[in-house]
PDB file of N, CA and C in Angstrom:
ATOM      1  N   MET A   1       0.877  -1.166   0.103  1.00  0.00           N
ATOM      2  CA  MET A   1      -0.021  -0.085   0.096  1.00  0.00           C
ATOM      3  C   MET A   1       0.813   1.250   0.012  1.00  0.00           C
ATOM      4  N   ARG A   2       1.902   1.189   0.739  1.00  0.00           N
ATOM      5  CA  ARG A   2       2.933   2.341   0.890  1.00  0.00           C
ATOM      6  C   ARG A   2       3.310   2.903  -0.556  1.00  0.00           C
ATOM      7  N   PHE A   3       3.692   1.720  -1.419  1.00  0.00           N
ATOM      8  CA  PHE A   3       4.010   1.974  -2.623  1.00  0.00           C
ATOM      9  C   PHE A   3       3.049   2.862  -3.543  1.00  0.00           C
ATOM     10  N   LEU A   4       1.764   2.447  -3.377  1.00  0.00           N
ATOM     11  CA  LEU A   4       0.788   3.064  -4.092  1.00  0.00           C
ATOM     12  C   LEU A   4       0.633   4.511  -3.517  1.00  0.00           C
ATOM     13  N   PHE A   5       0.572   4.777  -2.210  1.00  0.00           N
ATOM     14  CA  PHE A   5       0.141   5.992  -1.522  1.00  0.00           C
ATOM     15  C   PHE A   5       1.439   6.919  -1.921  1.00  0.00           C
ATOM     16  N   GLU A   6       2.577   6.648  -2.327  1.00  0.00           N
ATOM     17  CA  GLU A   6       3.637   7.372  -2.629  1.00  0.00           C
ATOM     18  C   GLU A   6       3.327   8.275  -3.928  1.00  0.00           C
ATOM     19  N   TYR A   7       2.423   7.695  -4.843  1.00  0.00           N
ATOM     20  CA  TYR A   7       2.113   8.410  -5.934  1.00  0.00           C
ATOM     21  C   TYR A   7       1.330   9.606  -5.717  1.00  0.00           C
ATOM     22  N   LEU A   8       0.747   9.703  -4.425  1.00  0.00           N
ATOM     23  CA  LEU A   8      -0.168  10.760  -4.084  1.00  0.00           C
ATOM     24  C   LEU A   8       0.617  11.924  -3.528  1.00  0.00           C
ATOM     25  N   LYS A   9       1.743  11.568  -3.011  1.00  0.00           N
ATOM     26  CA  LYS A   9       2.455  12.574  -2.237  1.00  0.00           C
ATOM     27  C   LYS A   9       3.280  13.447  -3.093  1.00  0.00           C
ATOM     28  N   GLU A  10       3.591  14.684  -2.754  1.00  0.00           N
ATOM     29  CA  GLU A  10       4.548  15.555  -3.346  1.00  0.00           C
ATOM     30  C   GLU A  10       5.880  15.283  -3.244  1.00  0.00           C
ATOM     31  N   ASN A  11       6.784  15.566  -4.183  1.00  0.00           N
ATOM     32  CA  ASN A  11       8.158  15.246  -4.026  1.00  0.00           C
ATOM     33  C   ASN A  11       8.832  15.971  -2.999  1.00  0.00           C
ATOM     34  N   GLN A  12       9.663  15.403  -2.036  1.00  0.00           N
ATOM     35  CA  GLN A  12      10.276  16.095  -0.920  1.00  0.00           C
ATOM     36  C   GLN A  12      11.517  16.795  -1.275  1.00  0.00           C
ATOM     37  N   GLU A  13      12.226  16.227  -2.343  1.00  0.00           N
ATOM     38  CA  GLU A  13      13.639  16.886  -2.772  1.00  0.00           C
ATOM     39  C   GLU A  13      13.402  17.325  -4.219  1.00  0.00           C
ATOM     40  N   ALA A  14      14.060  18.207  -4.718  1.00  0.00           N
ATOM     41  CA  ALA A  14      14.004  18.705  -6.132  1.00  0.00           C
ATOM     42  C   ALA A  14      14.468  17.707  -7.109  1.00  0.00           C
ATOM     43  N   PHE A  15      15.508  16.967  -6.720  1.00  0.00           N
ATOM     44  CA  PHE A  15      16.014  15.954  -7.684  1.00  0.00           C
ATOM     45  C   PHE A  15      15.016  14.785  -7.912  1.00  0.00           C
ATOM     46  N   GLU A  16      14.004  14.542  -7.172  1.00  0.00           N
ATOM     47  CA  GLU A  16      13.093  13.583  -7.267  1.00  0.00           C
ATOM     48  C   GLU A  16      12.078  13.861  -8.462  1.00  0.00           C
ATOM     49  N   ALA A  17      12.012  15.063  -8.863  1.00  0.00           N
ATOM     50  CA  ALA A  17      11.118  15.387 -10.094  1.00  0.00           C
ATOM     51  C   ALA A  17      11.663  14.623 -11.350  1.00  0.00           C
ATOM     52  N   SER A  18      13.038  14.536 -11.449  1.00  0.00           N
ATOM     53  CA  SER A  18      13.431  13.683 -12.742  1.00  0.00           C
ATOM     54  C   SER A  18      13.460  12.261 -12.586  1.00  0.00           C
ATOM     55  N   LEU A  19      13.236  11.729 -11.535  1.00  0.00           N
ATOM     56  CA  LEU A  19      13.183  10.432 -11.261  1.00  0.00           C
ATOM     57  C   LEU A  19      11.953   9.550 -11.658  1.00  0.00           C
ATOM     58  N   PRO A  20      11.867   8.443 -12.333  1.00  0.00           N
ATOM     59  CA  PRO A  20      10.608   7.789 -12.740  1.00  0.00           C
ATOM     60  C   PRO A  20       9.725   7.433 -11.431  1.00  0.00           C
ATOM     61  N   LEU A  21      10.309   7.073 -10.421  1.00  0.00           N
ATOM     62  CA  LEU A  21       9.668   6.769  -9.283  1.00  0.00           C
ATOM     63  C   LEU A  21      10.218   7.692  -8.181  1.00  0.00           C
ATOM     64  N   ASN A  22       9.361   8.017  -7.119  1.00  0.00           N
ATOM     65  CA  ASN A  22      10.009   8.901  -6.152  1.00  0.00           C
ATOM     66  C   ASN A  22      10.835   8.021  -5.116  1.00  0.00           C
ATOM     67  N   MET A  23      11.569   8.715  -4.137  1.00  0.00           N
ATOM     68  CA  MET A  23      12.439   8.036  -3.149  1.00  0.00           C
ATOM     69  C   MET A  23      11.587   7.081  -2.411  1.00  0.00           C
ATOM     70  N   GLY A  24      10.516   7.355  -1.907  1.00  0.00           N
ATOM     71  CA  GLY A  24       9.638   6.481  -1.095  1.00  0.00           C
ATOM     72  C   GLY A  24       9.392   4.984  -1.763  1.00  0.00           C
ATOM     73  N   GLN A  25       9.095   5.079  -3.081  1.00  0.00           N
ATOM     74  CA  GLN A  25       8.978   3.994  -3.907  1.00  0.00           C
ATOM     75  C   GLN A  25       9.989   3.217  -4.112  1.00  0.00           C
ATOM     76  N   ILE A  26      11.162   3.970  -4.458  1.00  0.00           N
ATOM     77  CA  ILE A  26      12.380   3.124  -4.544  1.00  0.00           C
ATOM     78  C   ILE A  26      12.803   2.419  -3.216  1.00  0.00           C
ATOM     79  N   LEU A  27      12.658   3.032  -2.158  1.00  0.00           N
ATOM     80  CA  LEU A  27      12.977   2.372  -1.091  1.00  0.00           C
ATOM     81  C   LEU A  27      12.018   1.197  -0.495  1.00  0.00           C
ATOM     82  N   SER A  28      10.716   1.294  -1.055  1.00  0.00           N
ATOM     83  CA  SER A  28       9.639   0.354  -0.704  1.00  0.00           C
ATOM     84  C   SER A  28       9.956  -1.043  -1.658  1.00  0.00           C
ATOM     85  N   ILE A  29      10.540  -0.949  -2.742  1.00  0.00           N
ATOM     86  CA  ILE A  29      10.669  -2.079  -3.548  1.00  0.00           C
ATOM     87  C   ILE A  29      11.454  -3.171  -2.826  1.00  0.00           C
ATOM     88  N   PRO A  30      12.609  -2.966  -2.228  1.00  0.00           N
ATOM     89  CA  PRO A  30      13.315  -4.204  -1.591  1.00  0.00           C
ATOM     90  C   PRO A  30      12.289  -4.892  -0.454  1.00  0.00           C
ATOM     91  N   LEU A  31      11.624  -3.966   0.221  1.00  0.00           N
ATOM     92  CA  LEU A  31      10.816  -4.518   1.336  1.00  0.00           C
ATOM     93  C   LEU A  31       9.664  -5.353   0.613  1.00  0.00           C
ATOM     94  N   VAL A  32       9.097  -4.783  -0.349  1.00  0.00           N
ATOM     95  CA  VAL A  32       7.935  -5.692  -0.915  1.00  0.00           C
ATOM     96  C   VAL A  32       8.700  -6.986  -1.401  1.00  0.00           C
ATOM     97  N   LEU A  33       9.904  -6.994  -2.075  1.00  0.00           N
ATOM     98  CA  LEU A  33      10.451  -8.361  -2.478  1.00  0.00           C
ATOM     99  C   LEU A  33      10.831  -9.264  -1.382  1.00  0.00           C
ATOM    100  N   VAL A  34      11.210  -8.665  -0.249  1.00  0.00           N
ATOM    101  CA  VAL A  34      11.432  -9.519   0.782  1.00  0.00           C
ATOM    102  C   VAL A  34      10.069 -10.207   1.363  1.00  0.00           C
ATOM    103  N   GLY A  35       9.133  -9.327   1.400  1.00  0.00           N
ATOM    104  CA  GLY A  35       7.792  -9.989   1.826  1.00  0.00           C
ATOM    105  C   GLY A  35       7.363 -11.022   0.882  1.00  0.00           C
ATOM    106  N   ILE A  36       7.569 -10.945  -0.499  1.00  0.00           N
ATOM    107  CA  ILE A  36       7.066 -11.911  -1.353  1.00  0.00           C
ATOM    108  C   ILE A  36       8.078 -13.157  -1.157  1.00  0.00           C
ATOM    109  N   VAL A  37       9.290 -13.112  -0.795  1.00  0.00           N
ATOM    110  CA  VAL A  37      10.142 -14.179  -0.585  1.00  0.00           C
ATOM    111  C   VAL A  37       9.683 -14.912   0.700  1.00  0.00           C
ATOM    112  N   ILE A  38       9.429 -14.158   1.778  1.00  0.00           N
ATOM    113  CA  ILE A  38       8.971 -14.752   3.069  1.00  0.00           C
ATOM    114  C   ILE A  38       7.613 -15.657   2.726  1.00  0.00           C
ATOM    115  N   LEU A  39       6.539 -14.955   2.074  1.00  0.00           N
ATOM    116  CA  LEU A  39       5.416 -15.628   1.959  1.00  0.00           C
ATOM    117  C   LEU A  39       5.618 -16.934   1.089  1.00  0.00           C
ATOM    118  N   ALA A  40       6.468 -16.960   0.051  1.00  0.00           N
ATOM    119  CA  ALA A  40       6.694 -18.013  -0.764  1.00  0.00           C
ATOM    120  C   ALA A  40       7.374 -19.127   0.075  1.00  0.00           C
ATOM    121  N   LEU A  41       8.259 -18.800   0.964  1.00  0.00           N
ATOM    122  CA  LEU A  41       9.027 -19.817   1.779  1.00  0.00           C
ATOM    123  C   LEU A  41       7.927 -20.357   2.727  1.00  0.00           C
ATOM    124  N   SER A  42       7.077 -19.658   3.263  1.00  0.00           N
ATOM    125  CA  SER A  42       6.031 -20.059   4.354  1.00  0.00           C
ATOM    126  C   SER A  42       5.056 -20.927   3.597  1.00  0.00           C
ATOM    127  N   PHE A  43       4.697 -20.748   2.464  1.00  0.00           N
ATOM    128  CA  PHE A  43       3.806 -21.526   1.763  1.00  0.00           C
ATOM    129  C   PHE A  43       4.433 -22.894   1.187  1.00  0.00           C
ATOM    130  N   ARG A  44       5.645 -22.767   0.934  1.00  0.00           N
ATOM    131  CA  ARG A  44       6.445 -23.936   0.373  1.00  0.00           C
ATOM    132  C   ARG A  44       6.504 -24.876   1.835  1.00  0.00           C
ATOM    133  N   LYS A  45       6.807 -24.444   2.914  1.00  0.00           N
ATOM    134  CA  LYS A  45       7.177 -25.180   4.105  1.00  0.00           C
ATOM    135  C   LYS A  45       5.759 -25.904   4.498  1.00  0.00           C
ATOM    136  N   LYS A  46       4.620 -25.245   4.327  1.00  0.00           N
ATOM    137  CA  LYS A  46       3.300 -25.724   4.746  1.00  0.00           C
ATOM    138  C   LYS A  46       3.003 -27.034   3.863  1.00  0.00           C
ATOM    139  N   ALA A  47       3.415 -26.848   2.469  1.00  0.00           N
ATOM    140  CA  ALA A  47       3.104 -28.056   1.472  1.00  0.00           C
ATOM    141  C   ALA A  47       3.931 -29.179   1.793  1.00  0.00           C
ATOM    142  N   GLU A  48       5.232 -29.107   2.358  1.00  0.00           N
ATOM    143  CA  GLU A  48       6.057 -30.328   2.643  1.00  0.00           C
ATOM    144  C   GLU A  48       5.580 -31.001   3.787  1.00  0.00           C
TER     145      GLU A  48
END
């Protein structure tokens, strides 16, 4: 959800205007990926 809410926020720094994603979205991507990996591992262990 945070990744999506970042679209609604104004840029906090001037250099963010030239980026395709703002800084909050860039920092959220690794956490989203870690969450997906944790979910995948937990579902795999339940299946075994």
